């Protein structure tokens, strides 16, 4: 019982581990050559763009199905619109990186 009282709380441990991980990632990122960092940025941005596009398509199809069953599709259509805009923004960011 005494040992557990001496340890810091869980939230403090999680905070220390998260900070250490972030610092390590920053050091690794800074040590990469600029060309390698560019390739990583391109891959991540392209992957996020593709994911947003797939999610927008799925939300739009779900909205259509919901509308066909006489239910309110506005939430799904709104999500599809927002995801489409995110996809378009990521496409512009990808073009700017190239």
Protein backbone atom coordinates (compact mmCIF):
# COMPACT_ATOMS: atom_id res chain seq x y z
CA UNK A 1 0.00 0.00 0.00
CA UNK A 2 2.79 2.43 0.83
CA UNK A 3 4.36 2.05 -2.64
CA UNK A 4 1.22 3.10 -4.47
CA UNK A 5 0.96 6.27 -2.38
CA UNK A 6 4.52 7.24 -3.36
CA UNK A 7 3.83 7.04 -7.09
CA UNK A 8 2.55 10.10 -8.96
CA UNK A 9 -1.07 10.03 -10.16
CA UNK A 10 -1.91 8.31 -13.43
CA UNK A 11 -2.62 11.58 -15.25
CA UNK A 12 0.86 12.83 -14.38
CA UNK A 13 2.45 9.63 -15.65
CA UNK A 14 0.49 9.85 -18.91
CA UNK A 15 1.53 13.49 -19.28
CA UNK A 16 5.23 12.65 -18.80
CA UNK A 17 5.09 9.73 -21.24
CA UNK A 18 3.23 11.85 -23.83
CA UNK A 19 5.74 14.68 -23.50
CA UNK A 20 8.66 12.29 -23.85
CA UNK A 21 7.12 10.71 -26.94
CA UNK A 22 6.46 14.13 -28.50
CA UNK A 23 10.04 15.23 -27.82
CA UNK A 24 11.43 12.05 -29.37
CA UNK A 25 9.25 12.48 -32.46
CA UNK A 26 10.42 16.07 -32.79
CA UNK A 27 14.07 15.00 -32.63
CA UNK A 28 13.51 12.27 -35.24
CA UNK A 29 11.62 14.70 -37.52
CA UNK A 30 14.37 17.31 -37.23
CA UNK A 31 17.06 14.75 -38.03
CA UNK A 32 15.41 13.65 -41.29
CA UNK A 33 16.71 15.13 -44.54
CA UNK A 34 14.39 17.79 -46.05
CA UNK A 35 13.53 15.58 -49.04
CA UNK A 36 12.45 12.74 -46.75
CA UNK A 37 10.25 15.12 -44.74
CA UNK A 38 8.64 16.30 -47.99
CA UNK A 39 7.86 12.73 -49.04
CA UNK A 40 6.30 12.04 -45.64
CA UNK A 41 4.19 15.22 -45.85
CA UNK A 42 3.02 14.24 -49.34
CA UNK A 43 2.10 10.72 -48.24
CA UNK A 44 0.23 11.84 -45.13
CA UNK A 45 -1.62 14.65 -46.90
CA UNK A 46 -2.59 12.35 -49.78
CA UNK A 47 -3.76 9.65 -47.40
CA UNK A 48 -5.88 12.09 -45.41
CA UNK A 49 -7.36 13.49 -48.63
CA UNK A 50 -8.31 10.01 -49.79
CA UNK A 51 -9.80 9.15 -46.40
CA UNK A 52 -11.88 12.36 -46.36
CA UNK A 53 -13.10 11.58 -49.89
CA UNK A 54 -14.15 8.05 -48.96
CA UNK A 55 -15.91 9.27 -45.83
CA UNK A 56 -17.71 12.02 -47.79
CA UNK A 57 -18.93 9.45 -50.31
CA UNK A 58 -20.12 7.12 -47.55
CA UNK A 59 -21.95 9.93 -45.74
CA UNK A 60 -23.61 11.02 -48.98
CA UNK A 61 -24.77 7.50 -49.76
CA UNK A 62 -26.07 7.07 -46.23
CA UNK A 63 -27.95 10.36 -46.60
CA UNK A 64 -29.54 9.12 -49.82
CA UNK A 65 -30.57 5.87 -48.14
CA UNK A 66 -31.99 7.78 -45.21
CA UNK A 67 -33.93 10.09 -47.54
CA UNK A 68 -35.29 7.10 -49.47
CA UNK A 69 -36.65 5.67 -46.21
CA UNK A 70 -38.47 8.94 -45.45
CA UNK A 71 -36.15 10.01 -42.64
CA UNK A 72 -34.28 13.31 -42.24
CA UNK A 73 -30.98 13.11 -44.16
CA UNK A 74 -29.79 16.65 -43.40
CA UNK A 75 -27.18 15.64 -40.81
CA UNK A 76 -25.57 13.15 -43.19
CA UNK A 77 -25.70 15.56 -46.11
CA UNK A 78 -24.08 18.21 -43.94
CA UNK A 79 -21.35 15.77 -42.95
CA UNK A 80 -20.78 14.85 -46.60
CA UNK A 81 -20.51 18.54 -47.51
CA UNK A 82 -18.05 19.24 -44.70
CA UNK A 83 -15.93 16.19 -45.56
CA UNK A 84 -15.94 17.20 -49.22
CA UNK A 85 -14.64 20.62 -48.26
CA UNK A 86 -11.94 19.04 -46.11
CA UNK A 87 -10.98 16.84 -49.06
CA UNK A 88 -10.80 19.88 -51.36
CA UNK A 89 -8.66 21.77 -48.85
CA UNK A 90 -6.30 18.82 -48.56
CA UNK A 91 -6.10 18.65 -52.36
CA UNK A 92 -5.04 22.30 -52.46
CA UNK A 93 -2.48 21.66 -49.72
CA UNK A 94 -1.15 18.68 -51.65
CA UNK A 95 -0.75 20.76 -54.80
CA UNK A 96 1.05 23.45 -52.80
CA UNK A 97 3.49 20.84 -51.47
CA UNK A 98 4.27 19.59 -54.96
